[in-house]
Amino acid sequence: MMAASSPIVEVEALTVRFRAREQQRVSPFSGRAQRWISAVDRVSFSINGGETFGLVGETGSGKSTIAKVLVGLYRPTSGRVKLLGREINFRNKGDLAYLRRNVGIVFQDPVGSLNPRLTVRDIIAEALIAAKSVPEEEFDPRIVDILERVGLRRSALTMHPREISGGEKQRVSLARALVLPKKLLILDEPTSSLDMTIQAQVLNTLRKLKEELDLTYLFITHDLNVIRYMSSKIAVLFYGRMMEVGSTVDVLSAPKHPYSLELLSNIPQITKREQQLISHGAGGTAEILVEHHPAPSGCNYRTVCPRVFEKCVNEPALMPLAPGHSVACFLYHDDEKK
């Protein structure tokens, strides 16, 4: 078993930019000016073996873009990604194959990610066929084993996605991702489309699998109650930049960045029944949608920050407050402390 202190993934100054569809100015060369949008802006973090690292933030904060980089679906504009100490060259097919062999992903929408024409057995077998490393006679024993581990009935093997429930579809996605061993499993809003009771069941399954298969998770969600239950460490993103990072206990019990405070203040009050479900693995749905756009320069939260002051026209660095807890806010820089 890998020591908890050994990094599985190291992300350094990751930037991902996309070309905007609208064109702003006429260029003498192309006839159109190109405008670029930074979905992820110089984000750095690492995930150690055995951790569940949570990424939180509103829709559009860059969480899913980071996930797609880590499975090779998007190419970074700049920055570095290391997996098990090996730096990934996203232009190298061998490096991409290495990345995809060791990193799995479960997406938010189980319906859209499953081929409706295939049976459950064939959907899971797709991963084995793509790997080209497992003899065909081993397919069915592996599929049955992972099916039982994720909590699916064996009779589901011959069914199509339309014949099983939403929770079962997500378990099929899990089985497909884990039928071959993975060093890191990315969970991109895996329970957001499920009702409270099914959320609880899936989250408990994820915790069980983590122990049984010695997994490391990157858990992406906007639901802070789920993050509280699942993760050991948390990073808060806002429009592509990291605002705060630290242990889940520290960030959720004593948030420092004004945006982290806003996220926590938007967690809805929950009923006693919902609290019972949370204690068994589910959380309320606290989608945070802030209707504004980031500032063009400086701190990208300053246009709505209640504690903004003159220095916020500059961009704050991520500053350590305590071991393992950092915040990108001038309120905590040495020369600004009261």
C-alpha atoms as a PDB file:
ATOM      1  CA  MET A   1       0.000   0.000   0.000  1.00  0.00           C
ATOM      2  CA  MET A   2       1.313   3.440  -0.909  1.00  0.00           C
ATOM      3  CA  ALA A   3       2.143   5.668   2.036  1.00  0.00           C
ATOM      4  CA  ALA A   4      -0.337   8.440   2.683  1.00  0.00           C
ATOM      5  CA  SER A   5       2.421  11.025   2.290  1.00  0.00           C
ATOM      6  CA  SER A   6       3.281   9.921  -1.276  1.00  0.00           C
ATOM      7  CA  PRO A   7       1.744  12.172  -3.949  1.00  0.00           C
ATOM      8  CA  ILE A   8      -0.425  10.429  -6.517  1.00  0.00           C
ATOM      9  CA  VAL A   9      -1.054  13.608  -8.517  1.00  0.00           C
ATOM     10  CA  GLU A  10       0.820  16.912  -8.495  1.00  0.00           C
ATOM     11  CA  VAL A  11      -0.654  19.886 -10.354  1.00  0.00           C
ATOM     12  CA  GLU A  12       1.485  22.992 -10.709  1.00  0.00           C
ATOM     13  CA  ALA A  13       0.286  26.359 -12.095  1.00  0.00           C
ATOM     14  CA  LEU A  14      -2.276  24.646 -14.319  1.00  0.00           C
ATOM     15  CA  THR A  15      -3.866  27.013 -16.829  1.00  0.00           C
ATOM     16  CA  VAL A  16      -6.505  26.059 -19.385  1.00  0.00           C
ATOM     17  CA  ARG A  17      -7.782  28.616 -21.879  1.00  0.00           C
ATOM     18  CA  PHE A  18     -10.529  28.250 -24.462  1.00  0.00           C
ATOM     19  CA  ARG A  19     -11.213  30.381 -27.523  1.00  0.00           C
ATOM     20  CA  ALA A  20     -14.409  32.366 -27.095  1.00  0.00           C
ATOM     21  CA  ARG A  21     -17.026  31.959 -29.794  1.00  0.00           C
ATOM     22  CA  GLU A  22     -17.763  35.646 -30.179  1.00  0.00           C
ATOM     23  CA  GLN A  23     -15.165  37.810 -31.906  1.00  0.00           C
ATOM     24  CA  GLN A  24     -14.457  41.271 -30.527  1.00  0.00           C
ATOM     25  CA  ARG A  25     -12.217  43.140 -32.979  1.00  0.00           C
ATOM     26  CA  VAL A  26     -11.122  42.826 -36.586  1.00  0.00           C
ATOM     27  CA  SER A  27      -7.572  41.516 -37.069  1.00  0.00           C
ATOM     28  CA  PRO A  28      -5.495  42.587 -40.115  1.00  0.00           C
ATOM     29  CA  PHE A  29      -4.236  38.991 -40.410  1.00  0.00           C
ATOM     30  CA  SER A  30      -7.266  36.772 -39.893  1.00  0.00           C
ATOM     31  CA  GLY A  31     -10.022  39.337 -40.292  1.00  0.00           C
ATOM     32  CA  ARG A  32     -11.203  38.500 -36.761  1.00  0.00           C
ATOM     33  CA  ALA A  33      -9.745  38.971 -33.320  1.00  0.00           C
ATOM     34  CA  GLN A  34      -9.539  35.969 -31.056  1.00  0.00           C
ATOM     35  CA  ARG A  35     -10.672  36.282 -27.454  1.00  0.00           C
ATOM     36  CA  TRP A  36      -9.531  33.686 -24.938  1.00  0.00           C
ATOM     37  CA  ILE A  37     -11.216  32.725 -21.672  1.00  0.00           C
ATOM     38  CA  SER A  38      -9.272  31.194 -18.776  1.00  0.00           C
ATOM     39  CA  ALA A  39     -11.330  28.330 -17.407  1.00  0.00           C
ATOM     40  CA  VAL A  40      -8.488  27.438 -15.015  1.00  0.00           C
ATOM     41  CA  ASP A  41      -5.904  30.029 -14.013  1.00  0.00           C
ATOM     42  CA  ARG A  42      -2.587  28.893 -12.432  1.00  0.00           C
ATOM     43  CA  VAL A  43      -4.106  26.334 -10.082  1.00  0.00           C
ATOM     44  CA  SER A  44      -1.735  24.210  -7.983  1.00  0.00           C
ATOM     45  CA  PHE A  45      -2.480  21.302  -5.647  1.00  0.00           C
ATOM     46  CA  SER A  46      -1.399  17.746  -4.887  1.00  0.00           C
ATOM     47  CA  ILE A  47      -3.314  14.641  -3.842  1.00  0.00           C
ATOM     48  CA  ASN A  48      -1.642  12.081  -1.605  1.00  0.00           C
ATOM     49  CA  GLY A  49      -2.236   8.373  -1.632  1.00  0.00           C
ATOM     50  CA  GLY A  50      -5.380   7.401   0.280  1.00  0.00           C
ATOM     51  CA  GLU A  51      -6.813  10.941   0.369  1.00  0.00           C
ATOM     52  CA  THR A  52     -10.175  12.143  -0.797  1.00  0.00           C
ATOM     53  CA  PHE A  53      -9.430  15.618  -2.135  1.00  0.00           C
ATOM     54  CA  GLY A  54     -12.504  17.798  -2.633  1.00  0.00           C
ATOM     55  CA  LEU A  55     -12.892  20.552  -5.224  1.00  0.00           C
ATOM     56  CA  VAL A  56     -15.791  22.908  -4.535  1.00  0.00           C
ATOM     57  CA  GLY A  57     -17.136  26.045  -6.145  1.00  0.00           C
ATOM     58  CA  GLU A  58     -20.077  27.319  -8.135  1.00  0.00           C
ATOM     59  CA  THR A  59     -20.942  26.231 -11.657  1.00  0.00           C
ATOM     60  CA  GLY A  60     -18.278  27.530 -14.048  1.00  0.00           C
ATOM     61  CA  SER A  61     -15.481  27.654 -11.483  1.00  0.00           C
ATOM     62  CA  GLY A  62     -13.256  25.256 -13.444  1.00  0.00           C
ATOM     63  CA  LYS A  63     -13.776  22.061 -11.445  1.00  0.00           C
ATOM     64  CA  SER A  64     -14.776  19.852 -14.364  1.00  0.00           C
ATOM     65  CA  THR A  65     -12.112  21.371 -16.618  1.00  0.00           C
ATOM     66  CA  ILE A  66      -9.438  20.240 -14.138  1.00  0.00           C
ATOM     67  CA  ALA A  67     -11.001  16.763 -14.097  1.00  0.00           C
ATOM     68  CA  LYS A  68     -10.912  16.510 -17.877  1.00  0.00           C
ATOM     69  CA  VAL A  69      -7.261  17.541 -17.945  1.00  0.00           C
ATOM     70  CA  LEU A  70      -6.405  14.790 -15.466  1.00  0.00           C
ATOM     71  CA  VAL A  71      -7.928  12.116 -17.717  1.00  0.00           C
ATOM     72  CA  GLY A  72      -6.425  13.577 -20.895  1.00  0.00           C
ATOM     73  CA  LEU A  73      -9.639  14.935 -22.435  1.00  0.00           C
ATOM     74  CA  TYR A  74      -8.340  18.527 -22.330  1.00  0.00           C
ATOM     75  CA  ARG A  75      -4.790  19.719 -22.929  1.00  0.00           C
ATOM     76  CA  PRO A  76      -3.328  22.346 -20.550  1.00  0.00           C
ATOM     77  CA  THR A  77      -2.412  25.733 -21.982  1.00  0.00           C
ATOM     78  CA  SER A  78       0.440  25.883 -19.480  1.00  0.00           C
ATOM     79  CA  GLY A  79       1.543  24.355 -16.195  1.00  0.00           C
ATOM     80  CA  ARG A  80       2.578  20.841 -15.217  1.00  0.00           C
ATOM     81  CA  VAL A  81       0.815  17.643 -14.188  1.00  0.00           C
ATOM     82  CA  LYS A  82       2.668  14.734 -12.584  1.00  0.00           C
ATOM     83  CA  LEU A  83       1.182  11.304 -11.972  1.00  0.00           C
ATOM     84  CA  LEU A  84       3.119   9.037  -9.598  1.00  0.00           C
ATOM     85  CA  GLY A  85       6.141  11.288 -10.106  1.00  0.00           C
ATOM     86  CA  ARG A  86       6.019  11.121 -13.921  1.00  0.00           C
ATOM     87  CA  GLU A  87       5.448  14.434 -15.680  1.00  0.00           C
ATOM     88  CA  ILE A  88       2.779  14.115 -18.341  1.00  0.00           C
ATOM     89  CA  ASN A  89       3.449  15.420 -21.833  1.00  0.00           C
ATOM     90  CA  PHE A  90      -0.061  15.920 -23.206  1.00  0.00           C
ATOM     91  CA  ARG A  91       1.254  15.801 -26.779  1.00  0.00           C
ATOM     92  CA  ASN A  92       2.730  12.352 -26.242  1.00  0.00           C
ATOM     93  CA  LYS A  93       0.402   9.394 -26.901  1.00  0.00           C
ATOM     94  CA  GLY A  94       2.344   7.184 -24.513  1.00  0.00           C
ATOM     95  CA  ASP A  95       1.938   9.669 -21.669  1.00  0.00           C
ATOM     96  CA  LEU A  96      -1.787  10.021 -22.363  1.00  0.00           C
ATOM     97  CA  ALA A  97      -2.168   6.241 -22.350  1.00  0.00           C
ATOM     98  CA  TYR A  98      -0.316   6.112 -19.006  1.00  0.00           C
ATOM     99  CA  LEU A  99      -2.638   8.801 -17.621  1.00  0.00           C
ATOM    100  CA  ARG A 100      -5.822   7.052 -18.719  1.00  0.00           C
ATOM    101  CA  ARG A 101      -4.570   3.689 -17.515  1.00  0.00           C
ATOM    102  CA  ASN A 102      -4.118   5.008 -13.980  1.00  0.00           C
ATOM    103  CA  VAL A 103      -6.885   7.605 -13.666  1.00  0.00           C
ATOM    104  CA  GLY A 104     -10.595   6.828 -13.950  1.00  0.00           C
ATOM    105  CA  ILE A 105     -13.569   9.180 -13.981  1.00  0.00           C
ATOM    106  CA  VAL A 106     -17.266   8.986 -13.133  1.00  0.00           C
ATOM    107  CA  PHE A 107     -19.311  11.811 -14.607  1.00  0.00           C
ATOM    108  CA  GLN A 108     -22.320  13.653 -13.230  1.00  0.00           C
ATOM    109  CA  ASP A 109     -24.853  12.339 -15.746  1.00  0.00           C
ATOM    110  CA  PRO A 110     -24.961   8.536 -15.743  1.00  0.00           C
ATOM    111  CA  VAL A 111     -27.570   8.507 -18.510  1.00  0.00           C
ATOM    112  CA  GLY A 112     -25.476  10.508 -20.961  1.00  0.00           C
ATOM    113  CA  SER A 113     -22.303   8.534 -20.230  1.00  0.00           C
ATOM    114  CA  LEU A 114     -23.798   5.066 -20.894  1.00  0.00           C
ATOM    115  CA  ASN A 115     -24.410   3.739 -24.400  1.00  0.00           C
ATOM    116  CA  PRO A 116     -28.169   2.982 -24.512  1.00  0.00           C
ATOM    117  CA  ARG A 117     -27.644   0.254 -27.150  1.00  0.00           C
ATOM    118  CA  LEU A 118     -25.340  -1.848 -24.954  1.00  0.00           C
ATOM    119  CA  THR A 119     -26.150  -4.126 -22.048  1.00  0.00           C
ATOM    120  CA  VAL A 120     -24.604  -3.473 -18.648  1.00  0.00           C
ATOM    121  CA  ARG A 121     -22.176  -6.324 -19.250  1.00  0.00           C
ATOM    122  CA  ASP A 122     -21.024  -4.851 -22.567  1.00  0.00           C
ATOM    123  CA  ILE A 123     -20.708  -1.332 -21.116  1.00  0.00           C
ATOM    124  CA  ILE A 124     -18.321  -2.571 -18.421  1.00  0.00           C
ATOM    125  CA  ALA A 125     -16.490  -4.763 -20.931  1.00  0.00           C
ATOM    126  CA  GLU A 126     -15.726  -1.672 -23.051  1.00  0.00           C
ATOM    127  CA  ALA A 127     -13.032  -0.686 -20.539  1.00  0.00           C
ATOM    128  CA  LEU A 128     -11.426  -4.120 -20.764  1.00  0.00           C
ATOM    129  CA  ILE A 129     -11.472  -4.100 -24.555  1.00  0.00           C
ATOM    130  CA  ALA A 130      -9.924  -0.615 -24.680  1.00  0.00           C
ATOM    131  CA  ALA A 131      -7.129  -1.636 -22.299  1.00  0.00           C
ATOM    132  CA  LYS A 132      -5.957  -4.472 -24.593  1.00  0.00           C
ATOM    133  CA  SER A 133      -4.204  -6.056 -21.607  1.00  0.00           C
ATOM    134  CA  VAL A 134      -6.819  -8.517 -20.329  1.00  0.00           C
ATOM    135  CA  PRO A 135      -7.495 -11.862 -22.056  1.00  0.00           C
ATOM    136  CA  GLU A 136     -11.111 -12.197 -23.174  1.00  0.00           C
ATOM    137  CA  GLU A 137     -11.632 -15.282 -21.007  1.00  0.00           C
ATOM    138  CA  GLU A 138     -11.025 -13.090 -17.941  1.00  0.00           C
ATOM    139  CA  PHE A 139     -13.676 -10.538 -18.876  1.00  0.00           C
ATOM    140  CA  ASP A 140     -16.674 -12.148 -17.184  1.00  0.00           C
ATOM    141  CA  PRO A 141     -14.956 -13.022 -13.845  1.00  0.00           C
ATOM    142  CA  ARG A 142     -13.675  -9.440 -13.593  1.00  0.00           C
ATOM    143  CA  ILE A 143     -17.073  -7.979 -14.518  1.00  0.00           C
ATOM    144  CA  VAL A 144     -18.949 -10.121 -11.982  1.00  0.00           C
ATOM    145  CA  ASP A 145     -16.434  -9.230  -9.249  1.00  0.00           C
ATOM    146  CA  ILE A 146     -16.681  -5.471  -9.779  1.00  0.00           C
ATOM    147  CA  LEU A 147     -20.463  -5.701 -10.176  1.00  0.00           C
ATOM    148  CA  GLU A 148     -20.726  -7.196  -6.695  1.00  0.00           C
ATOM    149  CA  ARG A 149     -18.295  -4.666  -5.234  1.00  0.00           C
ATOM    150  CA  VAL A 150     -20.354  -1.687  -6.458  1.00  0.00           C
ATOM    151  CA  GLY A 151     -23.567  -3.259  -5.176  1.00  0.00           C
ATOM    152  CA  LEU A 152     -25.306  -4.223  -8.416  1.00  0.00           C
ATOM    153  CA  ARG A 153     -27.436  -7.340  -8.769  1.00  0.00           C
ATOM    154  CA  ARG A 154     -26.082  -9.891 -11.226  1.00  0.00           C
ATOM    155  CA  SER A 155     -29.357  -9.914 -13.167  1.00  0.00           C
ATOM    156  CA  ALA A 156     -28.551  -6.343 -14.291  1.00  0.00           C
ATOM    157  CA  LEU A 157     -25.798  -7.683 -16.600  1.00  0.00           C
ATOM    158  CA  THR A 158     -28.236  -8.420 -19.414  1.00  0.00           C
ATOM    159  CA  MET A 159     -30.216  -5.189 -19.009  1.00  0.00           C
ATOM    160  CA  HIS A 160     -29.912  -1.937 -20.940  1.00  0.00           C
ATOM    161  CA  PRO A 161     -29.513   1.461 -19.203  1.00  0.00           C
ATOM    162  CA  ARG A 162     -33.199   2.301 -19.740  1.00  0.00           C
ATOM    163  CA  GLU A 163     -34.163  -0.750 -17.670  1.00  0.00           C
ATOM    164  CA  ILE A 164     -32.302   0.222 -14.491  1.00  0.00           C
ATOM    165  CA  SER A 165     -32.681   3.064 -11.995  1.00  0.00           C
ATOM    166  CA  GLY A 166     -30.600   6.257 -11.781  1.00  0.00           C
ATOM    167  CA  GLY A 167     -28.655   4.941  -8.808  1.00  0.00           C
ATOM    168  CA  GLU A 168     -27.946   1.686 -10.637  1.00  0.00           C
ATOM    169  CA  LYS A 169     -26.759   3.612 -13.699  1.00  0.00           C
ATOM    170  CA  GLN A 170     -24.228   5.446 -11.542  1.00  0.00           C
ATOM    171  CA  ARG A 171     -23.056   2.124 -10.116  1.00  0.00           C
ATOM    172  CA  VAL A 172     -22.546   0.859 -13.678  1.00  0.00           C
ATOM    173  CA  SER A 173     -20.396   3.944 -14.332  1.00  0.00           C
ATOM    174  CA  LEU A 174     -18.399   3.098 -11.209  1.00  0.00           C
ATOM    175  CA  ALA A 175     -17.984  -0.515 -12.295  1.00  0.00           C
ATOM    176  CA  ARG A 176     -16.750   0.558 -15.725  1.00  0.00           C
ATOM    177  CA  ALA A 177     -14.214   2.941 -14.168  1.00  0.00           C
ATOM    178  CA  LEU A 178     -12.906   0.364 -11.675  1.00  0.00           C
ATOM    179  CA  VAL A 179     -13.023  -2.942 -13.573  1.00  0.00           C
ATOM    180  CA  LEU A 180      -9.326  -2.271 -14.127  1.00  0.00           C
ATOM    181  CA  PRO A 181      -7.303  -1.053 -11.095  1.00  0.00           C
ATOM    182  CA  LYS A 182      -6.870   2.727 -10.861  1.00  0.00           C
ATOM    183  CA  LYS A 183      -4.531   4.869  -8.786  1.00  0.00           C
ATOM    184  CA  LEU A 184      -6.925   7.839  -8.825  1.00  0.00           C
ATOM    185  CA  LEU A 185     -10.691   7.966  -9.347  1.00  0.00           C
ATOM    186  CA  ILE A 186     -12.238  11.315 -10.240  1.00  0.00           C
ATOM    187  CA  LEU A 187     -15.851  11.712  -9.139  1.00  0.00           C
ATOM    188  CA  ASP A 188     -17.414  14.669 -10.959  1.00  0.00           C
ATOM    189  CA  GLU A 189     -20.695  15.502  -9.175  1.00  0.00           C
ATOM    190  CA  PRO A 190     -21.475  11.760  -8.936  1.00  0.00           C
ATOM    191  CA  THR A 191     -24.630  12.111  -6.820  1.00  0.00           C
ATOM    192  CA  SER A 192     -26.084  15.465  -7.899  1.00  0.00           C
ATOM    193  CA  SER A 193     -28.733  13.868 -10.146  1.00  0.00           C
ATOM    194  CA  LEU A 194     -29.877  11.398  -7.469  1.00  0.00           C
ATOM    195  CA  ASP A 195     -32.458  11.812  -4.740  1.00  0.00           C
ATOM    196  CA  MET A 196     -31.422  11.987  -1.096  1.00  0.00           C
ATOM    197  CA  THR A 197     -31.813   8.303  -0.228  1.00  0.00           C
ATOM    198  CA  ILE A 198     -29.977   7.073  -3.324  1.00  0.00           C
ATOM    199  CA  GLN A 199     -27.216   9.649  -2.709  1.00  0.00           C
ATOM    200  CA  ALA A 200     -26.652   8.112   0.706  1.00  0.00           C
ATOM    201  CA  GLN A 201     -26.345   4.623  -0.746  1.00  0.00           C
ATOM    202  CA  VAL A 202     -23.914   5.656  -3.494  1.00  0.00           C
ATOM    203  CA  LEU A 203     -21.722   7.666  -1.103  1.00  0.00           C
ATOM    204  CA  ASN A 204     -21.507   4.746   1.289  1.00  0.00           C
ATOM    205  CA  THR A 205     -20.560   2.485  -1.615  1.00  0.00           C
ATOM    206  CA  LEU A 206     -17.788   4.930  -2.573  1.00  0.00           C
ATOM    207  CA  ARG A 207     -16.387   4.900   0.949  1.00  0.00           C
ATOM    208  CA  LYS A 208     -16.459   1.097   1.030  1.00  0.00           C
ATOM    209  CA  LEU A 209     -14.714   0.836  -2.356  1.00  0.00           C
ATOM    210  CA  LYS A 210     -12.041   3.278  -1.257  1.00  0.00           C
ATOM    211  CA  GLU A 211     -11.042   0.968   1.581  1.00  0.00           C
ATOM    212  CA  GLU A 212     -11.407  -2.309  -0.320  1.00  0.00           C
ATOM    213  CA  LEU A 213      -9.482  -1.187  -3.429  1.00  0.00           C
ATOM    214  CA  ASP A 214      -7.018   1.224  -1.766  1.00  0.00           C
ATOM    215  CA  LEU A 215      -8.291   4.131  -3.868  1.00  0.00           C
ATOM    216  CA  THR A 216      -7.504   7.829  -3.923  1.00  0.00           C
ATOM    217  CA  TYR A 217     -10.365  10.160  -4.869  1.00  0.00           C
ATOM    218  CA  LEU A 218     -10.695  13.590  -6.428  1.00  0.00           C
ATOM    219  CA  PHE A 219     -14.265  14.474  -5.450  1.00  0.00           C
ATOM    220  CA  ILE A 220     -15.882  17.371  -7.314  1.00  0.00           C
ATOM    221  CA  THR A 221     -19.137  18.866  -6.102  1.00  0.00           C
ATOM    222  CA  HIS A 222     -20.985  22.039  -5.182  1.00  0.00           C
ATOM    223  CA  ASP A 223     -22.553  20.276  -2.185  1.00  0.00           C
ATOM    224  CA  LEU A 224     -20.592  21.096   0.957  1.00  0.00           C
ATOM    225  CA  ASN A 225     -22.500  18.583   3.060  1.00  0.00           C
ATOM    226  CA  VAL A 226     -21.291  15.796   0.760  1.00  0.00           C
ATOM    227  CA  ILE A 227     -17.726  17.154   0.853  1.00  0.00           C
ATOM    228  CA  ARG A 228     -17.857  17.236   4.654  1.00  0.00           C
ATOM    229  CA  TYR A 229     -18.776  13.550   4.687  1.00  0.00           C
ATOM    230  CA  MET A 230     -16.420  12.369   1.951  1.00  0.00           C
ATOM    231  CA  SER A 231     -13.224  14.413   1.843  1.00  0.00           C
ATOM    232  CA  SER A 232     -10.141  14.831   4.003  1.00  0.00           C
ATOM    233  CA  LYS A 233      -8.862  17.921   2.173  1.00  0.00           C
ATOM    234  CA  ILE A 234     -10.671  20.656   0.259  1.00  0.00           C
ATOM    235  CA  ALA A 235      -9.879  23.372  -2.272  1.00  0.00           C
ATOM    236  CA  VAL A 236     -12.253  26.256  -3.034  1.00  0.00           C
ATOM    237  CA  LEU A 237     -12.325  27.555  -6.621  1.00  0.00           C
ATOM    238  CA  PHE A 238     -13.804  30.776  -7.977  1.00  0.00           C
ATOM    239  CA  TYR A 239     -13.769  31.485 -11.721  1.00  0.00           C
ATOM    240  CA  GLY A 240     -10.720  29.352 -12.320  1.00  0.00           C
ATOM    241  CA  ARG A 241      -8.590  30.491  -9.393  1.00  0.00           C
ATOM    242  CA  MET A 242      -7.959  28.803  -6.073  1.00  0.00           C
ATOM    243  CA  MET A 243      -9.235  30.871  -3.170  1.00  0.00           C
ATOM    244  CA  GLU A 244      -8.495  28.577  -0.235  1.00  0.00           C
ATOM    245  CA  VAL A 245      -7.115  25.105   0.413  1.00  0.00           C
ATOM    246  CA  GLY A 246      -6.757  23.084   3.590  1.00  0.00           C
ATOM    247  CA  SER A 247      -8.132  20.201   5.586  1.00  0.00           C
ATOM    248  CA  THR A 248     -11.896  19.841   5.267  1.00  0.00           C
ATOM    249  CA  VAL A 249     -12.298  20.383   9.010  1.00  0.00           C
ATOM    250  CA  ASP A 250     -10.297  23.632   8.965  1.00  0.00           C
ATOM    251  CA  VAL A 251     -11.898  25.144   5.863  1.00  0.00           C
ATOM    252  CA  LEU A 252     -15.490  24.266   6.739  1.00  0.00           C
ATOM    253  CA  SER A 253     -15.272  25.027  10.456  1.00  0.00           C
ATOM    254  CA  ALA A 254     -13.187  28.203  10.156  1.00  0.00           C
ATOM    255  CA  PRO A 255     -13.200  29.491   6.543  1.00  0.00           C
ATOM    256  CA  LYS A 256     -10.909  32.451   5.915  1.00  0.00           C
ATOM    257  CA  HIS A 257     -11.573  33.667   2.391  1.00  0.00           C
ATOM    258  CA  PRO A 258     -14.709  35.826   2.018  1.00  0.00           C
ATOM    259  CA  TYR A 259     -15.854  33.584  -0.835  1.00  0.00           C
ATOM    260  CA  SER A 260     -15.528  30.464   1.339  1.00  0.00           C
ATOM    261  CA  LEU A 261     -17.699  32.234   3.906  1.00  0.00           C
ATOM    262  CA  GLU A 262     -20.280  32.950   1.196  1.00  0.00           C
ATOM    263  CA  LEU A 263     -20.382  29.313   0.157  1.00  0.00           C
ATOM    264  CA  LEU A 264     -20.979  28.203   3.724  1.00  0.00           C
ATOM    265  CA  SER A 265     -23.669  30.816   4.271  1.00  0.00           C
ATOM    266  CA  ASN A 266     -25.598  29.432   1.301  1.00  0.00           C
ATOM    267  CA  ILE A 267     -25.943  25.905   2.684  1.00  0.00           C
ATOM    268  CA  PRO A 268     -29.730  25.541   3.167  1.00  0.00           C
ATOM    269  CA  GLN A 269     -31.275  24.574   6.477  1.00  0.00           C
ATOM    270  CA  ILE A 270     -32.013  20.848   6.456  1.00  0.00           C
ATOM    271  CA  THR A 271     -34.691  18.790   8.109  1.00  0.00           C
ATOM    272  CA  LYS A 272     -34.158  16.221  10.833  1.00  0.00           C
ATOM    273  CA  ARG A 273     -34.805  13.424   8.305  1.00  0.00           C
ATOM    274  CA  GLU A 274     -32.222  14.890   5.914  1.00  0.00           C
ATOM    275  CA  GLN A 275     -29.717  15.181   8.769  1.00  0.00           C
ATOM    276  CA  GLN A 276     -30.162  11.457   9.451  1.00  0.00           C
ATOM    277  CA  LEU A 277     -29.425  10.714   5.799  1.00  0.00           C
ATOM    278  CA  ILE A 278     -26.331  12.948   5.874  1.00  0.00           C
ATOM    279  CA  SER A 279     -24.988  11.022   8.845  1.00  0.00           C
ATOM    280  CA  HIS A 280     -25.293   7.888   6.705  1.00  0.00           C
ATOM    281  CA  GLY A 281     -23.680   9.344   3.643  1.00  0.00           C
ATOM    282  CA  ALA A 282     -25.751  12.035   1.911  1.00  0.00           C
ATOM    283  CA  GLY A 283     -25.995  15.769   1.992  1.00  0.00           C
ATOM    284  CA  GLY A 284     -28.413  18.524   1.075  1.00  0.00           C
ATOM    285  CA  THR A 285     -28.132  20.091  -2.349  1.00  0.00           C
ATOM    286  CA  ALA A 286     -26.553  23.514  -1.952  1.00  0.00           C
ATOM    287  CA  GLU A 287     -25.866  24.706  -5.460  1.00  0.00           C
ATOM    288  CA  ILE A 288     -24.236  28.117  -5.240  1.00  0.00           C
ATOM    289  CA  LEU A 289     -24.876  30.345  -8.219  1.00  0.00           C
ATOM    290  CA  VAL A 290     -23.450  33.861  -7.905  1.00  0.00           C
ATOM    291  CA  GLU A 291     -24.764  36.140 -10.612  1.00  0.00           C
ATOM    292  CA  HIS A 292     -21.724  38.220 -11.409  1.00  0.00           C
ATOM    293  CA  HIS A 293     -18.522  38.072 -13.408  1.00  0.00           C
ATOM    294  CA  PRO A 294     -14.966  38.271 -12.137  1.00  0.00           C
ATOM    295  CA  ALA A 295     -12.900  41.426 -12.273  1.00  0.00           C
ATOM    296  CA  PRO A 296     -10.648  41.660 -15.344  1.00  0.00           C
ATOM    297  CA  SER A 297      -7.552  42.032 -13.148  1.00  0.00           C
ATOM    298  CA  GLY A 298      -6.516  41.755  -9.528  1.00  0.00           C
ATOM    299  CA  CYS A 299      -8.497  39.564  -7.141  1.00  0.00           C
ATOM    300  CA  ASN A 300     -11.283  38.063  -9.232  1.00  0.00           C
ATOM    301  CA  TYR A 301     -13.681  38.156  -6.265  1.00  0.00           C
ATOM    302  CA  ARG A 302     -13.262  41.866  -5.554  1.00  0.00           C
ATOM    303  CA  THR A 303     -16.318  43.078  -7.515  1.00  0.00           C
ATOM    304  CA  VAL A 304     -18.658  41.516  -4.928  1.00  0.00           C
ATOM    305  CA  CYS A 305     -16.421  41.015  -1.902  1.00  0.00           C
ATOM    306  CA  PRO A 306     -17.817  42.698   1.245  1.00  0.00           C
ATOM    307  CA  ARG A 307     -14.278  43.297   2.551  1.00  0.00           C
ATOM    308  CA  VAL A 308     -12.684  44.708  -0.596  1.00  0.00           C
ATOM    309  CA  PHE A 309     -10.072  47.472  -0.175  1.00  0.00           C
ATOM    310  CA  GLU A 310      -7.499  49.303  -2.283  1.00  0.00           C
ATOM    311  CA  LYS A 311      -4.916  46.542  -2.532  1.00  0.00           C
ATOM    312  CA  CYS A 312      -7.436  44.129  -4.108  1.00  0.00           C
ATOM    313  CA  VAL A 313      -6.771  45.659  -7.530  1.00  0.00           C
ATOM    314  CA  ASN A 314      -3.670  43.426  -7.391  1.00  0.00           C
ATOM    315  CA  GLU A 315      -3.845  39.638  -7.471  1.00  0.00           C
ATOM    316  CA  PRO A 316      -3.156  37.975  -4.093  1.00  0.00           C
ATOM    317  CA  ALA A 317      -0.889  34.956  -3.876  1.00  0.00           C
ATOM    318  CA  LEU A 318      -1.981  31.802  -2.057  1.00  0.00           C
ATOM    319  CA  MET A 319      -0.523  32.429   1.407  1.00  0.00           C
ATOM    320  CA  PRO A 320      -0.022  29.780   4.131  1.00  0.00           C
ATOM    321  CA  LEU A 321      -1.895  30.531   7.368  1.00  0.00           C
ATOM    322  CA  ALA A 322      -1.016  27.284   9.115  1.00  0.00           C
ATOM    323  CA  PRO A 323       0.462  23.944   8.055  1.00  0.00           C
ATOM    324  CA  GLY A 324      -1.693  22.686   5.193  1.00  0.00           C
ATOM    325  CA  HIS A 325      -4.055  25.703   5.165  1.00  0.00           C
ATOM    326  CA  SER A 326      -3.590  28.536   2.641  1.00  0.00           C
ATOM    327  CA  VAL A 327      -5.744  31.420   1.404  1.00  0.00           C
ATOM    328  CA  ALA A 328      -5.479  33.851  -1.511  1.00  0.00           C
ATOM    329  CA  CYS A 329      -6.553  37.061   0.201  1.00  0.00           C
ATOM    330  CA  PHE A 330      -4.719  40.262   1.135  1.00  0.00           C
ATOM    331  CA  LEU A 331      -6.523  40.270   4.483  1.00  0.00           C
ATOM    332  CA  TYR A 332      -4.057  37.605   5.581  1.00  0.00           C
ATOM    333  CA  HIS A 333      -0.843  38.918   4.054  1.00  0.00           C
ATOM    334  CA  ASP A 334       1.631  40.011   6.707  1.00  0.00           C
ATOM    335  CA  ASP A 335       1.608  43.670   5.711  1.00  0.00           C
ATOM    336  CA  GLU A 336      -2.208  43.800   5.907  1.00  0.00           C
ATOM    337  CA  LYS A 337      -2.756  42.109   9.250  1.00  0.00           C
ATOM    338  CA  LYS A 338      -4.172  44.365  11.885  1.00  0.00           C
END
